[in-house]
Every structure is written in structure tokens, then in C-alpha cells.
Amino acid sequence: MRNYKKNYSCSFCGKSGVKLWRPPMDVSPLACASCSEQLQVVPTHELVVDLCKEPRLIPAILDEDDNFEDINFASAEDIEQWAFLPTK
């Protein structure tokens, strides 16, 4: 079971229990929707990635071992659990 509570919080404001995003090639910093907007770094729309542009932030999806995984290789269950979190 993915643990979206333990160690899954915004690096800027500390908010937890919401969807977080991360840089495409790193696992930190994690940013909530509010902080990414304030930093003028807009996350990709939920689960849609524009293949023509490198996204600034991607969904921070956890696998069954609580490791971050690439959205392209995430299972439907992993995506569903992340999508169930509120955005703000």
C-alpha cells in the first residue's frame, strides 16, 4: 500500500495529503499545486504530459514500495491512488 502521508509533503510549505509534483529527473523538491503556482512553475495537467516540451514538474507517483516512479511505467493502481488525492 502506498503511503502518501509519511514523508510525502510539499518541500516548500509542508502540506501533505494532496497531490504533489516533482522535477522530471529527480525526486525532490516536491511541490503542491499552490506552491508550484506561486513559484510560477506550473505542473503538468494531472497525468497529461506534452511530448513536445520537457515538463517542469511531473506527478510524484509512488509505487507499492513507496518509491517514486516514472509516470510512463506506473501501474493503473499506482496512478489511481495518486489521482484520488485532492489537488489542493
N, C-alpha and C. Protein backbone atom coordinates (compact mmCIF):
# COMPACT_ATOMS: atom_id res chain seq x y z
N MET A 1 0.84 -1.20 0.00
CA MET A 1 0.00 0.00 0.00
C MET A 1 0.88 1.24 0.00
N ARG A 2 0.59 2.16 -0.88
CA ARG A 2 1.35 3.39 -0.98
C ARG A 2 1.07 4.28 0.22
N ASN A 3 2.12 4.88 0.75
CA ASN A 3 1.96 5.72 1.93
C ASN A 3 2.12 7.17 1.53
N TYR A 4 1.00 7.81 1.18
CA TYR A 4 1.02 9.21 0.77
C TYR A 4 0.95 10.14 1.97
N LYS A 5 1.27 9.66 3.15
CA LYS A 5 1.30 10.51 4.34
C LYS A 5 2.73 10.64 4.85
N LYS A 6 3.40 9.53 5.06
CA LYS A 6 4.75 9.55 5.61
C LYS A 6 5.74 10.04 4.55
N ASN A 7 6.46 11.10 4.88
CA ASN A 7 7.49 11.66 4.01
C ASN A 7 6.97 12.12 2.65
N TYR A 8 5.69 12.36 2.53
CA TYR A 8 5.10 12.82 1.27
C TYR A 8 4.46 14.17 1.54
N SER A 9 5.29 15.21 1.53
CA SER A 9 4.79 16.55 1.82
C SER A 9 5.53 17.56 0.95
N CYS A 10 4.91 18.71 0.76
CA CYS A 10 5.48 19.77 -0.06
C CYS A 10 6.78 20.26 0.58
N SER A 11 7.81 20.38 -0.22
CA SER A 11 9.12 20.84 0.27
C SER A 11 9.11 22.31 0.65
N PHE A 12 8.10 23.05 0.20
CA PHE A 12 8.06 24.49 0.42
C PHE A 12 7.16 24.89 1.59
N CYS A 13 5.94 24.32 1.64
CA CYS A 13 5.01 24.72 2.70
C CYS A 13 4.72 23.61 3.70
N GLY A 14 5.14 22.38 3.40
CA GLY A 14 4.93 21.26 4.30
C GLY A 14 3.58 20.59 4.18
N LYS A 15 2.73 21.06 3.27
CA LYS A 15 1.39 20.47 3.11
C LYS A 15 1.50 19.01 2.71
N SER A 16 0.64 18.18 3.32
CA SER A 16 0.61 16.76 2.98
C SER A 16 -0.83 16.34 2.73
N GLY A 17 -1.02 15.14 2.22
CA GLY A 17 -2.35 14.65 1.93
C GLY A 17 -2.93 15.19 0.64
N VAL A 18 -2.09 15.79 -0.20
CA VAL A 18 -2.52 16.32 -1.50
C VAL A 18 -1.59 15.79 -2.59
N LYS A 19 -2.02 15.96 -3.85
CA LYS A 19 -1.16 15.59 -4.97
C LYS A 19 0.09 16.46 -4.92
N LEU A 20 1.23 15.82 -5.19
CA LEU A 20 2.49 16.55 -5.28
C LEU A 20 3.12 16.26 -6.63
N TRP A 21 3.97 17.21 -7.05
CA TRP A 21 4.71 17.06 -8.29
C TRP A 21 6.18 17.16 -7.99
N ARG A 22 7.02 16.66 -8.92
CA ARG A 22 8.46 16.66 -8.76
C ARG A 22 9.12 16.97 -10.09
N PRO A 23 10.42 17.34 -10.07
CA PRO A 23 11.13 17.54 -11.33
C PRO A 23 11.21 16.22 -12.10
N PRO A 24 11.24 16.26 -13.42
CA PRO A 24 11.24 15.02 -14.21
C PRO A 24 12.42 14.09 -13.94
N MET A 25 13.58 14.64 -13.62
CA MET A 25 14.76 13.80 -13.47
C MET A 25 15.23 13.68 -12.02
N ASP A 26 14.36 14.02 -11.06
CA ASP A 26 14.78 13.99 -9.66
C ASP A 26 13.56 13.69 -8.78
N VAL A 27 13.80 13.34 -7.53
CA VAL A 27 12.69 13.06 -6.61
C VAL A 27 12.45 14.22 -5.66
N SER A 28 13.18 15.30 -5.82
CA SER A 28 12.95 16.48 -4.98
C SER A 28 13.34 17.72 -5.76
N PRO A 29 12.80 18.85 -5.43
CA PRO A 29 11.84 19.06 -4.35
C PRO A 29 10.44 18.66 -4.80
N LEU A 30 9.64 18.28 -3.83
CA LEU A 30 8.23 18.01 -4.08
C LEU A 30 7.47 19.32 -3.92
N ALA A 31 6.49 19.55 -4.79
CA ALA A 31 5.72 20.80 -4.72
C ALA A 31 4.24 20.50 -4.84
N CYS A 32 3.45 21.16 -3.98
CA CYS A 32 2.00 21.06 -4.08
C CYS A 32 1.55 22.02 -5.18
N ALA A 33 0.29 21.96 -5.57
CA ALA A 33 -0.23 22.82 -6.63
C ALA A 33 -0.11 24.29 -6.28
N SER A 34 -0.42 24.65 -5.02
CA SER A 34 -0.36 26.05 -4.61
C SER A 34 1.05 26.61 -4.69
N CYS A 35 2.03 25.87 -4.19
CA CYS A 35 3.42 26.36 -4.21
C CYS A 35 3.96 26.41 -5.63
N SER A 36 3.61 25.43 -6.45
CA SER A 36 4.11 25.46 -7.82
C SER A 36 3.55 26.66 -8.57
N GLU A 37 2.32 27.04 -8.27
CA GLU A 37 1.73 28.24 -8.89
C GLU A 37 2.44 29.49 -8.40
N GLN A 38 2.73 29.58 -7.11
CA GLN A 38 3.42 30.75 -6.55
C GLN A 38 4.84 30.87 -7.10
N LEU A 39 5.46 29.73 -7.35
CA LEU A 39 6.82 29.74 -7.90
C LEU A 39 6.81 29.89 -9.42
N GLN A 40 5.62 30.01 -9.98
CA GLN A 40 5.41 30.13 -11.42
C GLN A 40 5.98 28.94 -12.17
N VAL A 41 5.89 27.79 -11.55
CA VAL A 41 6.26 26.54 -12.19
C VAL A 41 4.98 25.71 -12.22
N VAL A 42 4.33 25.69 -13.34
CA VAL A 42 3.04 25.03 -13.44
C VAL A 42 3.24 23.54 -13.68
N PRO A 43 2.62 22.71 -12.85
CA PRO A 43 2.76 21.26 -13.07
C PRO A 43 2.01 20.84 -14.32
N THR A 44 2.39 19.70 -14.84
CA THR A 44 1.67 19.17 -15.99
C THR A 44 0.24 18.89 -15.57
N HIS A 45 -0.68 19.00 -16.50
CA HIS A 45 -2.09 18.75 -16.21
C HIS A 45 -2.26 17.31 -15.74
N GLU A 46 -2.61 17.17 -14.47
CA GLU A 46 -2.86 15.87 -13.84
C GLU A 46 -1.92 14.78 -14.36
N LEU A 47 -2.29 14.07 -15.41
CA LEU A 47 -1.48 12.97 -15.90
C LEU A 47 -1.13 13.13 -17.37
N VAL A 48 -1.32 14.30 -17.94
CA VAL A 48 -1.05 14.51 -19.35
C VAL A 48 0.30 15.20 -19.50
N VAL A 49 1.18 14.62 -20.25
CA VAL A 49 2.49 15.20 -20.48
C VAL A 49 2.61 15.56 -21.96
N ASP A 50 2.96 16.81 -22.23
CA ASP A 50 3.16 17.27 -23.60
C ASP A 50 4.48 16.70 -24.10
N LEU A 51 4.44 15.83 -25.08
CA LEU A 51 5.65 15.17 -25.55
C LEU A 51 6.57 16.11 -26.33
N CYS A 52 6.07 17.27 -26.72
CA CYS A 52 6.89 18.22 -27.48
C CYS A 52 7.75 19.09 -26.57
N LYS A 53 7.40 19.18 -25.29
CA LYS A 53 8.13 20.04 -24.36
C LYS A 53 8.49 19.25 -23.12
N GLU A 54 9.63 19.54 -22.56
CA GLU A 54 10.04 18.93 -21.29
C GLU A 54 9.22 19.57 -20.17
N PRO A 55 8.44 18.79 -19.44
CA PRO A 55 7.64 19.38 -18.35
C PRO A 55 8.55 19.85 -17.22
N ARG A 56 8.14 20.89 -16.55
CA ARG A 56 8.92 21.37 -15.40
C ARG A 56 8.67 20.51 -14.17
N LEU A 57 7.46 20.04 -14.02
CA LEU A 57 7.11 19.16 -12.91
C LEU A 57 6.23 18.03 -13.43
N ILE A 58 6.40 16.85 -12.85
CA ILE A 58 5.58 15.71 -13.21
C ILE A 58 4.93 15.16 -11.94
N PRO A 59 3.85 14.38 -12.07
CA PRO A 59 3.21 13.81 -10.89
C PRO A 59 4.19 12.97 -10.07
N ALA A 60 4.18 13.16 -8.76
CA ALA A 60 5.04 12.40 -7.85
C ALA A 60 4.26 11.17 -7.40
N ILE A 61 4.27 10.15 -8.24
CA ILE A 61 3.52 8.92 -8.01
C ILE A 61 4.41 7.91 -7.29
N LEU A 62 3.85 7.28 -6.27
CA LEU A 62 4.58 6.26 -5.51
C LEU A 62 4.20 4.87 -6.00
N ASP A 63 5.18 3.95 -5.99
CA ASP A 63 4.87 2.56 -6.30
C ASP A 63 4.53 1.82 -5.01
N GLU A 64 4.35 0.53 -5.09
CA GLU A 64 3.93 -0.24 -3.90
C GLU A 64 4.99 -0.29 -2.82
N ASP A 65 6.24 0.05 -3.15
CA ASP A 65 7.32 0.09 -2.15
C ASP A 65 7.60 1.51 -1.68
N ASP A 66 6.71 2.45 -2.01
CA ASP A 66 6.84 3.87 -1.65
C ASP A 66 8.04 4.54 -2.30
N ASN A 67 8.43 4.06 -3.48
CA ASN A 67 9.47 4.71 -4.28
C ASN A 67 8.78 5.51 -5.38
N PHE A 68 9.38 6.63 -5.78
CA PHE A 68 8.80 7.40 -6.87
C PHE A 68 9.01 6.65 -8.17
N GLU A 69 7.99 6.72 -9.03
CA GLU A 69 8.12 6.03 -10.30
C GLU A 69 7.76 6.93 -11.46
N ASP A 70 8.31 6.59 -12.60
CA ASP A 70 8.06 7.33 -13.83
C ASP A 70 6.61 7.08 -14.24
N ILE A 71 5.92 8.15 -14.58
CA ILE A 71 4.51 8.02 -14.95
C ILE A 71 4.31 7.08 -16.13
N ASN A 72 5.30 6.99 -17.01
CA ASN A 72 5.19 6.12 -18.18
C ASN A 72 5.22 4.64 -17.80
N PHE A 73 5.71 4.33 -16.62
CA PHE A 73 5.80 2.93 -16.19
C PHE A 73 4.92 2.64 -14.98
N ALA A 74 4.16 3.61 -14.54
CA ALA A 74 3.29 3.43 -13.36
C ALA A 74 2.13 2.50 -13.70
N SER A 75 1.77 1.68 -12.75
CA SER A 75 0.62 0.79 -12.95
C SER A 75 -0.67 1.61 -12.82
N ALA A 76 -1.74 1.06 -13.33
CA ALA A 76 -3.04 1.73 -13.24
C ALA A 76 -3.41 1.95 -11.77
N GLU A 77 -3.09 1.01 -10.91
CA GLU A 77 -3.39 1.14 -9.48
C GLU A 77 -2.60 2.29 -8.85
N ASP A 78 -1.31 2.41 -9.21
CA ASP A 78 -0.49 3.49 -8.67
C ASP A 78 -1.03 4.85 -9.12
N ILE A 79 -1.39 4.96 -10.38
CA ILE A 79 -1.94 6.21 -10.91
C ILE A 79 -3.27 6.53 -10.24
N GLU A 80 -4.10 5.52 -10.06
CA GLU A 80 -5.41 5.72 -9.44
C GLU A 80 -5.27 6.23 -8.01
N GLN A 81 -4.34 5.67 -7.25
CA GLN A 81 -4.17 6.11 -5.86
C GLN A 81 -3.68 7.55 -5.80
N TRP A 82 -2.77 7.95 -6.70
CA TRP A 82 -2.30 9.33 -6.74
C TRP A 82 -3.44 10.25 -7.18
N ALA A 83 -4.20 9.83 -8.17
CA ALA A 83 -5.30 10.65 -8.70
C ALA A 83 -6.39 10.86 -7.64
N PHE A 84 -6.52 9.95 -6.69
CA PHE A 84 -7.53 10.04 -5.65
C PHE A 84 -7.23 11.17 -4.66
N LEU A 85 -5.96 11.56 -4.55
CA LEU A 85 -5.58 12.65 -3.64
C LEU A 85 -6.18 13.97 -4.13
N PRO A 86 -6.57 14.86 -3.21
CA PRO A 86 -7.07 16.17 -3.63
C PRO A 86 -5.92 16.99 -4.22
N THR A 87 -6.26 17.92 -5.13
CA THR A 87 -5.22 18.75 -5.73
C THR A 87 -4.77 19.84 -4.76
N LYS A 88 -5.69 20.42 -4.03
CA LYS A 88 -5.34 21.47 -3.06
C LYS A 88 -5.97 21.19 -1.72
